Amino acid sequence: MQDNAPCHKATEILEFLAENHVPVMAWPPQSPDLNPIENLWTEFKALFHKRFLKLFNHPSKSTEARYRYSEVLQEVWYSQGIELVEALIQSMPRRCTAVIEAKGGWTKY
């Protein structure tokens, strides 16, 4: 499924999907994004930056910083990841209900 965003409607993408018989769900443009991965990435990035800045006090491209990126990413994921994923999965019925009630319009999600 794709959300009908312009970047997903490029001619090459549409041709690839058609040639490979990939069904595309009808999806109105500007509709709410119910994919919980969006929330996961937002939270994950915020936690990563908070943790990383505690270690380095500023963004850095140094060799040491690049080495630590991997460690900090894994640390954040394993310390917070699964709980957040489970919470987002549990929120799906509320998200879907909100979108249905809003008839596809804006929701707090």
PDB file of N, CA and C in Angstrom:
ATOM      1  N   MET A   1       0.832  -1.174   0.000  1.00  0.00           N
ATOM      2  CA  MET A   1       0.000   0.000   0.000  1.00  0.00           C
ATOM      3  C   MET A   1       0.880   1.241   0.000  1.00  0.00           C
ATOM      4  N   GLN A   2       0.484   2.224  -0.728  1.00  0.00           N
ATOM      5  CA  GLN A   2       1.153   3.513  -0.714  1.00  0.00           C
ATOM      6  C   GLN A   2       0.077   4.577  -0.555  1.00  0.00           C
ATOM      7  N   ASP A   3       0.462   5.746  -0.106  1.00  0.00           N
ATOM      8  CA  ASP A   3      -0.522   6.749   0.312  1.00  0.00           C
ATOM      9  C   ASP A   3      -0.863   7.800  -0.735  1.00  0.00           C
ATOM     10  N   ASN A   4      -0.576   7.522  -1.996  1.00  0.00           N
ATOM     11  CA  ASN A   4      -0.952   8.422  -3.086  1.00  0.00           C
ATOM     12  C   ASN A   4      -0.180   9.738  -3.060  1.00  0.00           C
ATOM     13  N   ALA A   5       0.926   9.774  -2.345  1.00  0.00           N
ATOM     14  CA  ALA A   5       1.766  10.968  -2.346  1.00  0.00           C
ATOM     15  C   ALA A   5       2.406  11.103  -3.728  1.00  0.00           C
ATOM     16  N   PRO A   6       2.699  12.329  -4.157  1.00  0.00           N
ATOM     17  CA  PRO A   6       3.289  12.519  -5.492  1.00  0.00           C
ATOM     18  C   PRO A   6       4.541  11.672  -5.739  1.00  0.00           C
ATOM     19  N   CYS A   7       5.381  11.510  -4.735  1.00  0.00           N
ATOM     20  CA  CYS A   7       6.611  10.726  -4.945  1.00  0.00           C
ATOM     21  C   CYS A   7       6.303   9.254  -5.209  1.00  0.00           C
ATOM     22  N   HIS A   8       5.125   8.786  -4.798  1.00  0.00           N
ATOM     23  CA  HIS A   8       4.742   7.394  -5.038  1.00  0.00           C
ATOM     24  C   HIS A   8       4.021   7.230  -6.373  1.00  0.00           C
ATOM     25  N   LYS A   9       3.730   8.346  -7.028  1.00  0.00           N
ATOM     26  CA  LYS A   9       2.988   8.294  -8.274  1.00  0.00           C
ATOM     27  C   LYS A   9       3.859   8.607  -9.478  1.00  0.00           C
ATOM     28  N   ALA A  10       5.157   8.567  -9.306  1.00  0.00           N
ATOM     29  CA  ALA A  10       6.060   8.792 -10.430  1.00  0.00           C
ATOM     30  C   ALA A  10       5.776   7.742 -11.506  1.00  0.00           C
ATOM     31  N   THR A  11       5.927   8.121 -12.745  1.00  0.00           N
ATOM     32  CA  THR A  11       5.626   7.233 -13.861  1.00  0.00           C
ATOM     33  C   THR A  11       6.351   5.899 -13.724  1.00  0.00           C
ATOM     34  N   GLU A  12       7.627   5.952 -13.360  1.00  0.00           N
ATOM     35  CA  GLU A  12       8.405   4.715 -13.233  1.00  0.00           C
ATOM     36  C   GLU A  12       7.825   3.792 -12.161  1.00  0.00           C
ATOM     37  N   ILE A  13       7.371   4.382 -11.066  1.00  0.00           N
ATOM     38  CA  ILE A  13       6.797   3.575  -9.982  1.00  0.00           C
ATOM     39  C   ILE A  13       5.498   2.935 -10.440  1.00  0.00           C
ATOM     40  N   LEU A  14       4.624   3.726 -11.048  1.00  0.00           N
ATOM     41  CA  LEU A  14       3.335   3.203 -11.509  1.00  0.00           C
ATOM     42  C   LEU A  14       3.534   2.111 -12.557  1.00  0.00           C
ATOM     43  N   GLU A  15       4.498   2.303 -13.465  1.00  0.00           N
ATOM     44  CA  GLU A  15       4.790   1.279 -14.476  1.00  0.00           C
ATOM     45  C   GLU A  15       5.303   0.004 -13.826  1.00  0.00           C
ATOM     46  N   PHE A  16       6.202   0.141 -12.846  1.00  0.00           N
ATOM     47  CA  PHE A  16       6.744  -1.032 -12.154  1.00  0.00           C
ATOM     48  C   PHE A  16       5.617  -1.813 -11.480  1.00  0.00           C
ATOM     49  N   LEU A  17       4.745  -1.114 -10.780  1.00  0.00           N
ATOM     50  CA  LEU A  17       3.640  -1.776 -10.082  1.00  0.00           C
ATOM     51  C   LEU A  17       2.728  -2.499 -11.075  1.00  0.00           C
ATOM     52  N   ALA A  18       2.417  -1.840 -12.185  1.00  0.00           N
ATOM     53  CA  ALA A  18       1.545  -2.459 -13.193  1.00  0.00           C
ATOM     54  C   ALA A  18       2.214  -3.677 -13.825  1.00  0.00           C
ATOM     55  N   GLU A  19       3.475  -3.536 -14.221  1.00  0.00           N
ATOM     56  CA  GLU A  19       4.205  -4.633 -14.859  1.00  0.00           C
ATOM     57  C   GLU A  19       4.352  -5.843 -13.948  1.00  0.00           C
ATOM     58  N   ASN A  20       4.421  -5.604 -12.659  1.00  0.00           N
ATOM     59  CA  ASN A  20       4.610  -6.694 -11.700  1.00  0.00           C
ATOM     60  C   ASN A  20       3.309  -7.109 -11.018  1.00  0.00           C
ATOM     61  N   HIS A  21       2.209  -6.618 -11.552  1.00  0.00           N
ATOM     62  CA  HIS A  21       0.867  -6.995 -11.072  1.00  0.00           C
ATOM     63  C   HIS A  21       0.709  -6.774  -9.569  1.00  0.00           C
ATOM     64  N   VAL A  22       1.238  -5.639  -9.115  1.00  0.00           N
ATOM     65  CA  VAL A  22       1.113  -5.275  -7.703  1.00  0.00           C
ATOM     66  C   VAL A  22      -0.160  -4.447  -7.553  1.00  0.00           C
ATOM     67  N   PRO A  23      -1.137  -4.972  -6.813  1.00  0.00           N
ATOM     68  CA  PRO A  23      -2.373  -4.199  -6.649  1.00  0.00           C
ATOM     69  C   PRO A  23      -2.124  -2.971  -5.767  1.00  0.00           C
ATOM     70  N   VAL A  24      -2.723  -1.870  -6.154  1.00  0.00           N
ATOM     71  CA  VAL A  24      -2.588  -0.631  -5.396  1.00  0.00           C
ATOM     72  C   VAL A  24      -3.968  -0.246  -4.880  1.00  0.00           C
ATOM     73  N   MET A  25      -4.039  -0.080  -3.592  1.00  0.00           N
ATOM     74  CA  MET A  25      -5.294   0.281  -2.956  1.00  0.00           C
ATOM     75  C   MET A  25      -5.655   1.724  -3.300  1.00  0.00           C
ATOM     76  N   ALA A  26      -6.923   1.978  -3.584  1.00  0.00           N
ATOM     77  CA  ALA A  26      -7.368   3.354  -3.818  1.00  0.00           C
ATOM     78  C   ALA A  26      -7.225   4.112  -2.502  1.00  0.00           C
ATOM     79  N   TRP A  27      -6.535   5.232  -2.561  1.00  0.00           N
ATOM     80  CA  TRP A  27      -6.207   5.954  -1.341  1.00  0.00           C
ATOM     81  C   TRP A  27      -6.271   7.440  -1.636  1.00  0.00           C
ATOM     82  N   PRO A  28      -7.148   8.169  -0.962  1.00  0.00           N
ATOM     83  CA  PRO A  28      -7.246   9.597  -1.282  1.00  0.00           C
ATOM     84  C   PRO A  28      -5.986  10.356  -0.877  1.00  0.00           C
ATOM     85  N   PRO A  29      -5.576  11.334  -1.712  1.00  0.00           N
ATOM     86  CA  PRO A  29      -4.409  12.130  -1.334  1.00  0.00           C
ATOM     87  C   PRO A  29      -4.709  12.951  -0.088  1.00  0.00           C
ATOM     88  N   GLN A  30      -3.680  13.266   0.662  1.00  0.00           N
ATOM     89  CA  GLN A  30      -3.794  14.061   1.886  1.00  0.00           C
ATOM     90  C   GLN A  30      -4.600  13.370   2.974  1.00  0.00           C
ATOM     91  N   SER A  31      -4.748  12.060   2.885  1.00  0.00           N
ATOM     92  CA  SER A  31      -5.480  11.330   3.913  1.00  0.00           C
ATOM     93  C   SER A  31      -4.571  11.091   5.108  1.00  0.00           C
ATOM     94  N   PRO A  32      -5.143  10.806   6.280  1.00  0.00           N
ATOM     95  CA  PRO A  32      -4.304  10.561   7.461  1.00  0.00           C
ATOM     96  C   PRO A  32      -3.370   9.373   7.241  1.00  0.00           C
ATOM     97  N   ASP A  33      -2.173   9.481   7.739  1.00  0.00           N
ATOM     98  CA  ASP A  33      -1.203   8.399   7.637  1.00  0.00           C
ATOM     99  C   ASP A  33      -1.341   7.538   8.886  1.00  0.00           C
ATOM    100  N   LEU A  34      -1.908   6.370   8.729  1.00  0.00           N
ATOM    101  CA  LEU A  34      -2.124   5.489   9.869  1.00  0.00           C
ATOM    102  C   LEU A  34      -0.968   4.530  10.105  1.00  0.00           C
ATOM    103  N   ASN A  35       0.050   4.607   9.304  1.00  0.00           N
ATOM    104  CA  ASN A  35       1.179   3.712   9.468  1.00  0.00           C
ATOM    105  C   ASN A  35       1.912   4.064  10.765  1.00  0.00           C
ATOM    106  N   PRO A  36       1.888   3.178  11.757  1.00  0.00           N
ATOM    107  CA  PRO A  36       2.524   3.509  13.038  1.00  0.00           C
ATOM    108  C   PRO A  36       4.039   3.665  12.952  1.00  0.00           C
ATOM    109  N   ILE A  37       4.645   3.220  11.852  1.00  0.00           N
ATOM    110  CA  ILE A  37       6.095   3.371  11.733  1.00  0.00           C
ATOM    111  C   ILE A  37       6.483   4.844  11.720  1.00  0.00           C
ATOM    112  N   GLU A  38       5.597   5.710  11.227  1.00  0.00           N
ATOM    113  CA  GLU A  38       5.891   7.144  11.217  1.00  0.00           C
ATOM    114  C   GLU A  38       6.100   7.651  12.644  1.00  0.00           C
ATOM    115  N   ASN A  39       5.218   7.249  13.548  1.00  0.00           N
ATOM    116  CA  ASN A  39       5.356   7.648  14.945  1.00  0.00           C
ATOM    117  C   ASN A  39       6.581   7.012  15.584  1.00  0.00           C
ATOM    118  N   LEU A  40       6.852   5.780  15.214  1.00  0.00           N
ATOM    119  CA  LEU A  40       8.011   5.081  15.753  1.00  0.00           C
ATOM    120  C   LEU A  40       9.286   5.821  15.383  1.00  0.00           C
ATOM    121  N   TRP A  41       9.426   6.199  14.104  1.00  0.00           N
ATOM    122  CA  TRP A  41      10.639   6.887  13.673  1.00  0.00           C
ATOM    123  C   TRP A  41      10.770   8.240  14.337  1.00  0.00           C
ATOM    124  N   THR A  42       9.663   8.956  14.490  1.00  0.00           N
ATOM    125  CA  THR A  42       9.713  10.271  15.137  1.00  0.00           C
ATOM    126  C   THR A  42      10.230  10.142  16.562  1.00  0.00           C
ATOM    127  N   GLU A  43       9.671   9.216  17.310  1.00  0.00           N
ATOM    128  CA  GLU A  43      10.088   9.009  18.702  1.00  0.00           C
ATOM    129  C   GLU A  43      11.520   8.487  18.771  1.00  0.00           C
ATOM    130  N   PHE A  44      11.834   7.550  17.897  1.00  0.00           N
ATOM    131  CA  PHE A  44      13.164   6.952  17.886  1.00  0.00           C
ATOM    132  C   PHE A  44      14.231   8.007  17.607  1.00  0.00           C
ATOM    133  N   LYS A  45      13.984   8.881  16.609  1.00  0.00           N
ATOM    134  CA  LYS A  45      14.950   9.933  16.293  1.00  0.00           C
ATOM    135  C   LYS A  45      15.130  10.890  17.468  1.00  0.00           C
ATOM    136  N   ALA A  46      14.026  11.239  18.123  1.00  0.00           N
ATOM    137  CA  ALA A  46      14.122  12.146  19.265  1.00  0.00           C
ATOM    138  C   ALA A  46      14.952  11.515  20.387  1.00  0.00           C
ATOM    139  N   LEU A  47      14.719  10.247  20.677  1.00  0.00           N
ATOM    140  CA  LEU A  47      15.486   9.560  21.724  1.00  0.00           C
ATOM    141  C   LEU A  47      16.958   9.438  21.333  1.00  0.00           C
ATOM    142  N   PHE A  48      17.213   9.129  20.064  1.00  0.00           N
ATOM    143  CA  PHE A  48      18.583   9.007  19.586  1.00  0.00           C
ATOM    144  C   PHE A  48      19.327  10.330  19.746  1.00  0.00           C
ATOM    145  N   HIS A  49      18.732  11.416  19.281  1.00  0.00           N
ATOM    146  CA  HIS A  49      19.403  12.720  19.357  1.00  0.00           C
ATOM    147  C   HIS A  49      19.643  13.132  20.808  1.00  0.00           C
ATOM    148  N   LYS A  50      18.683  12.881  21.648  1.00  0.00           N
ATOM    149  CA  LYS A  50      18.844  13.223  23.069  1.00  0.00           C
ATOM    150  C   LYS A  50      20.026  12.456  23.668  1.00  0.00           C
ATOM    151  N   ARG A  51      20.068  11.171  23.408  1.00  0.00           N
ATOM    152  CA  ARG A  51      21.146  10.324  23.943  1.00  0.00           C
ATOM    153  C   ARG A  51      22.498  10.703  23.333  1.00  0.00           C
ATOM    154  N   PHE A  52      22.518  10.917  22.027  1.00  0.00           N
ATOM    155  CA  PHE A  52      23.770  11.231  21.349  1.00  0.00           C
ATOM    156  C   PHE A  52      24.333  12.562  21.828  1.00  0.00           C
ATOM    157  N   LEU A  53      23.470  13.564  21.991  1.00  0.00           N
ATOM    158  CA  LEU A  53      23.948  14.872  22.431  1.00  0.00           C
ATOM    159  C   LEU A  53      24.466  14.836  23.867  1.00  0.00           C
ATOM    160  N   LYS A  54      23.960  13.918  24.677  1.00  0.00           N
ATOM    161  CA  LYS A  54      24.516  13.747  26.027  1.00  0.00           C
ATOM    162  C   LYS A  54      25.963  13.270  25.950  1.00  0.00           C
ATOM    163  N   LEU A  55      26.258  12.466  24.945  1.00  0.00           N
ATOM    164  CA  LEU A  55      27.611  11.929  24.806  1.00  0.00           C
ATOM    165  C   LEU A  55      28.576  12.927  24.174  1.00  0.00           C
ATOM    166  N   PHE A  56      28.107  13.705  23.191  1.00  0.00           N
ATOM    167  CA  PHE A  56      29.007  14.547  22.408  1.00  0.00           C
ATOM    168  C   PHE A  56      28.756  16.046  22.540  1.00  0.00           C
ATOM    169  N   ASN A  57      27.671  16.455  23.152  1.00  0.00           N
ATOM    170  CA  ASN A  57      27.305  17.857  23.333  1.00  0.00           C
ATOM    171  C   ASN A  57      26.957  18.594  22.042  1.00  0.00           C
ATOM    172  N   HIS A  58      27.149  17.989  20.885  1.00  0.00           N
ATOM    173  CA  HIS A  58      26.800  18.619  19.613  1.00  0.00           C
ATOM    174  C   HIS A  58      26.829  17.562  18.519  1.00  0.00           C
ATOM    175  N   PRO A  59      26.115  17.784  17.419  1.00  0.00           N
ATOM    176  CA  PRO A  59      26.224  16.842  16.299  1.00  0.00           C
ATOM    177  C   PRO A  59      27.665  16.810  15.791  1.00  0.00           C
ATOM    178  N   SER A  60      28.110  15.672  15.354  1.00  0.00           N
ATOM    179  CA  SER A  60      29.499  15.544  14.925  1.00  0.00           C
ATOM    180  C   SER A  60      29.623  14.553  13.782  1.00  0.00           C
ATOM    181  N   LYS A  61      30.593  14.809  12.917  1.00  0.00           N
ATOM    182  CA  LYS A  61      30.897  13.886  11.824  1.00  0.00           C
ATOM    183  C   LYS A  61      32.257  13.217  12.039  1.00  0.00           C
ATOM    184  N   SER A  62      32.768  13.335  13.237  1.00  0.00           N
ATOM    185  CA  SER A  62      34.078  12.754  13.515  1.00  0.00           C
ATOM    186  C   SER A  62      34.020  11.232  13.395  1.00  0.00           C
ATOM    187  N   THR A  63      35.177  10.625  13.249  1.00  0.00           N
ATOM    188  CA  THR A  63      35.262   9.170  13.169  1.00  0.00           C
ATOM    189  C   THR A  63      34.704   8.536  14.435  1.00  0.00           C
ATOM    190  N   GLU A  64      35.045   9.112  15.579  1.00  0.00           N
ATOM    191  CA  GLU A  64      34.535   8.581  16.846  1.00  0.00           C
ATOM    192  C   GLU A  64      33.010   8.657  16.896  1.00  0.00           C
ATOM    193  N   ALA A  65      32.462   9.788  16.467  1.00  0.00           N
ATOM    194  CA  ALA A  65      31.011   9.958  16.484  1.00  0.00           C
ATOM    195  C   ALA A  65      30.344   8.947  15.557  1.00  0.00           C
ATOM    196  N   ARG A  66      30.898   8.762  14.385  1.00  0.00           N
ATOM    197  CA  ARG A  66      30.320   7.795  13.448  1.00  0.00           C
ATOM    198  C   ARG A  66      30.341   6.388  14.015  1.00  0.00           C
ATOM    199  N   TYR A  67      31.406   6.044  14.707  1.00  0.00           N
ATOM    200  CA  TYR A  67      31.488   4.734  15.354  1.00  0.00           C
ATOM    201  C   TYR A  67      30.411   4.602  16.428  1.00  0.00           C
ATOM    202  N   ARG A  68      30.217   5.668  17.173  1.00  0.00           N
ATOM    203  CA  ARG A  68      29.238   5.650  18.263  1.00  0.00           C
ATOM    204  C   ARG A  68      27.789   5.677  17.772  1.00  0.00           C
ATOM    205  N   TYR A  69      27.537   6.204  16.572  1.00  0.00           N
ATOM    206  CA  TYR A  69      26.164   6.240  16.044  1.00  0.00           C
ATOM    207  C   TYR A  69      25.527   4.856  16.135  1.00  0.00           C
ATOM    208  N   SER A  70      26.236   3.874  15.643  1.00  0.00           N
ATOM    209  CA  SER A  70      25.711   2.509  15.642  1.00  0.00           C
ATOM    210  C   SER A  70      25.407   2.031  17.055  1.00  0.00           C
ATOM    211  N   GLU A  71      26.320   2.279  17.960  1.00  0.00           N
ATOM    212  CA  GLU A  71      26.111   1.861  19.349  1.00  0.00           C
ATOM    213  C   GLU A  71      24.902   2.557  19.968  1.00  0.00           C
ATOM    214  N   VAL A  72      24.799   3.858  19.738  1.00  0.00           N
ATOM    215  CA  VAL A  72      23.696   4.622  20.327  1.00  0.00           C
ATOM    216  C   VAL A  72      22.370   4.207  19.697  1.00  0.00           C
ATOM    217  N   LEU A  73      22.354   3.974  18.398  1.00  0.00           N
ATOM    218  CA  LEU A  73      21.129   3.510  17.742  1.00  0.00           C
ATOM    219  C   LEU A  73      20.644   2.205  18.356  1.00  0.00           C
ATOM    220  N   GLN A  74      21.554   1.275  18.527  1.00  0.00           N
ATOM    221  CA  GLN A  74      21.178  -0.006  19.104  1.00  0.00           C
ATOM    222  C   GLN A  74      20.741   0.146  20.562  1.00  0.00           C
ATOM    223  N   GLU A  75      21.444   0.973  21.297  1.00  0.00           N
ATOM    224  CA  GLU A  75      21.100   1.206  22.702  1.00  0.00           C
ATOM    225  C   GLU A  75      19.678   1.772  22.819  1.00  0.00           C
ATOM    226  N   VAL A  76      19.379   2.779  22.006  1.00  0.00           N
ATOM    227  CA  VAL A  76      18.044   3.394  22.048  1.00  0.00           C
ATOM    228  C   VAL A  76      16.982   2.386  21.627  1.00  0.00           C
ATOM    229  N   TRP A  77      17.259   1.650  20.559  1.00  0.00           N
ATOM    230  CA  TRP A  77      16.270   0.684  20.072  1.00  0.00           C
ATOM    231  C   TRP A  77      15.964  -0.371  21.127  1.00  0.00           C
ATOM    232  N   TYR A  78      16.986  -0.954  21.684  1.00  0.00           N
ATOM    233  CA  TYR A  78      16.755  -2.039  22.630  1.00  0.00           C
ATOM    234  C   TYR A  78      16.252  -1.563  23.985  1.00  0.00           C
ATOM    235  N   SER A  79      16.464  -0.297  24.310  1.00  0.00           N
ATOM    236  CA  SER A  79      15.962   0.195  25.597  1.00  0.00           C
ATOM    237  C   SER A  79      14.535   0.718  25.485  1.00  0.00           C
ATOM    238  N   GLN A  80      14.126   1.179  24.320  1.00  0.00           N
ATOM    239  CA  GLN A  80      12.800   1.784  24.173  1.00  0.00           C
ATOM    240  C   GLN A  80      11.955   1.155  23.073  1.00  0.00           C
ATOM    241  N   GLY A  81      12.588   0.544  22.118  1.00  0.00           N
ATOM    242  CA  GLY A  81      11.916   0.123  20.894  1.00  0.00           C
ATOM    243  C   GLY A  81      10.676  -0.719  21.034  1.00  0.00           C
ATOM    244  N   ILE A  82      10.765  -1.857  21.684  1.00  0.00           N
ATOM    245  CA  ILE A  82       9.649  -2.800  21.666  1.00  0.00           C
ATOM    246  C   ILE A  82       8.438  -2.268  22.422  1.00  0.00           C
ATOM    247  N   GLU A  83       8.657  -1.534  23.496  1.00  0.00           N
ATOM    248  CA  GLU A  83       7.520  -0.983  24.237  1.00  0.00           C
ATOM    249  C   GLU A  83       6.753   0.008  23.377  1.00  0.00           C
ATOM    250  N   LEU A  84       7.482   0.833  22.651  1.00  0.00           N
ATOM    251  CA  LEU A  84       6.845   1.808  21.772  1.00  0.00           C
ATOM    252  C   LEU A  84       6.110   1.111  20.634  1.00  0.00           C
ATOM    253  N   VAL A  85       6.719   0.091  20.051  1.00  0.00           N
ATOM    254  CA  VAL A  85       6.075  -0.659  18.972  1.00  0.00           C
ATOM    255  C   VAL A  85       4.766  -1.261  19.475  1.00  0.00           C
ATOM    256  N   GLU A  86       4.804  -1.873  20.642  1.00  0.00           N
ATOM    257  CA  GLU A  86       3.589  -2.482  21.199  1.00  0.00           C
ATOM    258  C   GLU A  86       2.509  -1.436  21.472  1.00  0.00           C
ATOM    259  N   ALA A  87       2.898  -0.274  21.985  1.00  0.00           N
ATOM    260  CA  ALA A  87       1.927   0.798  22.242  1.00  0.00           C
ATOM    261  C   ALA A  87       1.299   1.279  20.938  1.00  0.00           C
ATOM    262  N   LEU A  88       2.113   1.408  19.896  1.00  0.00           N
ATOM    263  CA  LEU A  88       1.585   1.852  18.608  1.00  0.00           C
ATOM    264  C   LEU A  88       0.636   0.819  18.008  1.00  0.00           C
ATOM    265  N   ILE A  89       0.975  -0.440  18.131  1.00  0.00           N
ATOM    266  CA  ILE A  89       0.088  -1.499  17.634  1.00  0.00           C
ATOM    267  C   ILE A  89      -1.238  -1.457  18.392  1.00  0.00           C
ATOM    268  N   GLN A  90      -1.162  -1.307  19.704  1.00  0.00           N
ATOM    269  CA  GLN A  90      -2.377  -1.245  20.518  1.00  0.00           C
ATOM    270  C   GLN A  90      -3.235  -0.024  20.178  1.00  0.00           C
ATOM    271  N   SER A  91      -2.613   1.023  19.635  1.00  0.00           N
ATOM    272  CA  SER A  91      -3.362   2.244  19.312  1.00  0.00           C
ATOM    273  C   SER A  91      -4.115   2.149  17.990  1.00  0.00           C
ATOM    274  N   MET A  92      -3.859   1.128  17.187  1.00  0.00           N
ATOM    275  CA  MET A  92      -4.454   1.053  15.859  1.00  0.00           C
ATOM    276  C   MET A  92      -5.993   1.062  15.867  1.00  0.00           C
ATOM    277  N   PRO A  93      -6.669   0.333  16.740  1.00  0.00           N
ATOM    278  CA  PRO A  93      -8.143   0.433  16.734  1.00  0.00           C
ATOM    279  C   PRO A  93      -8.631   1.862  16.985  1.00  0.00           C
ATOM    280  N   ARG A  94      -7.993   2.582  17.907  1.00  0.00           N
ATOM    281  CA  ARG A  94      -8.385   3.967  18.166  1.00  0.00           C
ATOM    282  C   ARG A  94      -8.108   4.844  16.952  1.00  0.00           C
ATOM    283  N   ARG A  95      -6.976   4.627  16.311  1.00  0.00           N
ATOM    284  CA  ARG A  95      -6.625   5.417  15.132  1.00  0.00           C
ATOM    285  C   ARG A  95      -7.640   5.200  14.015  1.00  0.00           C
ATOM    286  N   CYS A  96      -7.957   3.948  13.757  1.00  0.00           N
ATOM    287  CA  CYS A  96      -8.910   3.635  12.679  1.00  0.00           C
ATOM    288  C   CYS A  96     -10.295   4.198  12.989  1.00  0.00           C
ATOM    289  N   THR A  97     -10.732   4.055  14.223  1.00  0.00           N
ATOM    290  CA  THR A  97     -12.032   4.605  14.624  1.00  0.00           C
ATOM    291  C   THR A  97     -12.061   6.111  14.437  1.00  0.00           C
ATOM    292  N   ALA A  98     -10.983   6.787  14.821  1.00  0.00           N
ATOM    293  CA  ALA A  98     -10.921   8.244  14.682  1.00  0.00           C
ATOM    294  C   ALA A  98     -11.020   8.663  13.219  1.00  0.00           C
ATOM    295  N   VAL A  99     -10.344   7.943  12.329  1.00  0.00           N
ATOM    296  CA  VAL A  99     -10.382   8.279  10.903  1.00  0.00           C
ATOM    297  C   VAL A  99     -11.778   8.023  10.334  1.00  0.00           C
ATOM    298  N   ILE A 100     -12.391   6.930  10.739  1.00  0.00           N
ATOM    299  CA  ILE A 100     -13.749   6.627  10.264  1.00  0.00           C
ATOM    300  C   ILE A 100     -14.717   7.712  10.740  1.00  0.00           C
ATOM    301  N   GLU A 101     -14.622   8.079  12.011  1.00  0.00           N
ATOM    302  CA  GLU A 101     -15.502   9.119  12.545  1.00  0.00           C
ATOM    303  C   GLU A 101     -15.275  10.466  11.859  1.00  0.00           C
ATOM    304  N   ALA A 102     -14.025  10.749  11.472  1.00  0.00           N
ATOM    305  CA  ALA A 102     -13.706  12.005  10.800  1.00  0.00           C
ATOM    306  C   ALA A 102     -13.944  11.908   9.290  1.00  0.00           C
ATOM    307  N   LYS A 103     -14.465  10.766   8.837  1.00  0.00           N
ATOM    308  CA  LYS A 103     -14.736  10.530   7.411  1.00  0.00           C
ATOM    309  C   LYS A 103     -13.492  10.796   6.558  1.00  0.00           C
ATOM    310  N   GLY A 104     -12.365  10.340   7.067  1.00  0.00           N
ATOM    311  CA  GLY A 104     -11.108  10.463   6.332  1.00  0.00           C
ATOM    312  C   GLY A 104     -10.410  11.779   6.546  1.00  0.00           C
ATOM    313  N   GLY A 105     -10.968  12.647   7.348  1.00  0.00           N
ATOM    314  CA  GLY A 105     -10.367  13.950   7.582  1.00  0.00           C
ATOM    315  C   GLY A 105      -9.322  13.903   8.685  1.00  0.00           C
ATOM    316  N   TRP A 106      -8.980  15.086   9.184  1.00  0.00           N
ATOM    317  CA  TRP A 106      -7.932  15.233  10.192  1.00  0.00           C
ATOM    318  C   TRP A 106      -8.296  14.521  11.485  1.00  0.00           C
ATOM    319  N   THR A 107      -7.306  13.913  12.103  1.00  0.00           N
ATOM    320  CA  THR A 107      -7.432  13.346  13.447  1.00  0.00           C
ATOM    321  C   THR A 107      -6.194  13.745  14.232  1.00  0.00           C
ATOM    322  N   LYS A 108      -6.224  13.503  15.526  1.00  0.00           N
ATOM    323  CA  LYS A 108      -5.052  13.826  16.334  1.00  0.00           C
ATOM    324  C   LYS A 108      -3.894  12.893  16.062  1.00  0.00           C
ATOM    325  N   TYR A 109      -4.142  11.814  15.347  1.00  0.00           N
ATOM    326  CA  TYR A 109      -3.090  10.860  15.044  1.00  0.00           C
ATOM    327  C   TYR A 109      -2.348  11.262  13.798  1.00  0.00           C
TER     328      TYR A 109
END
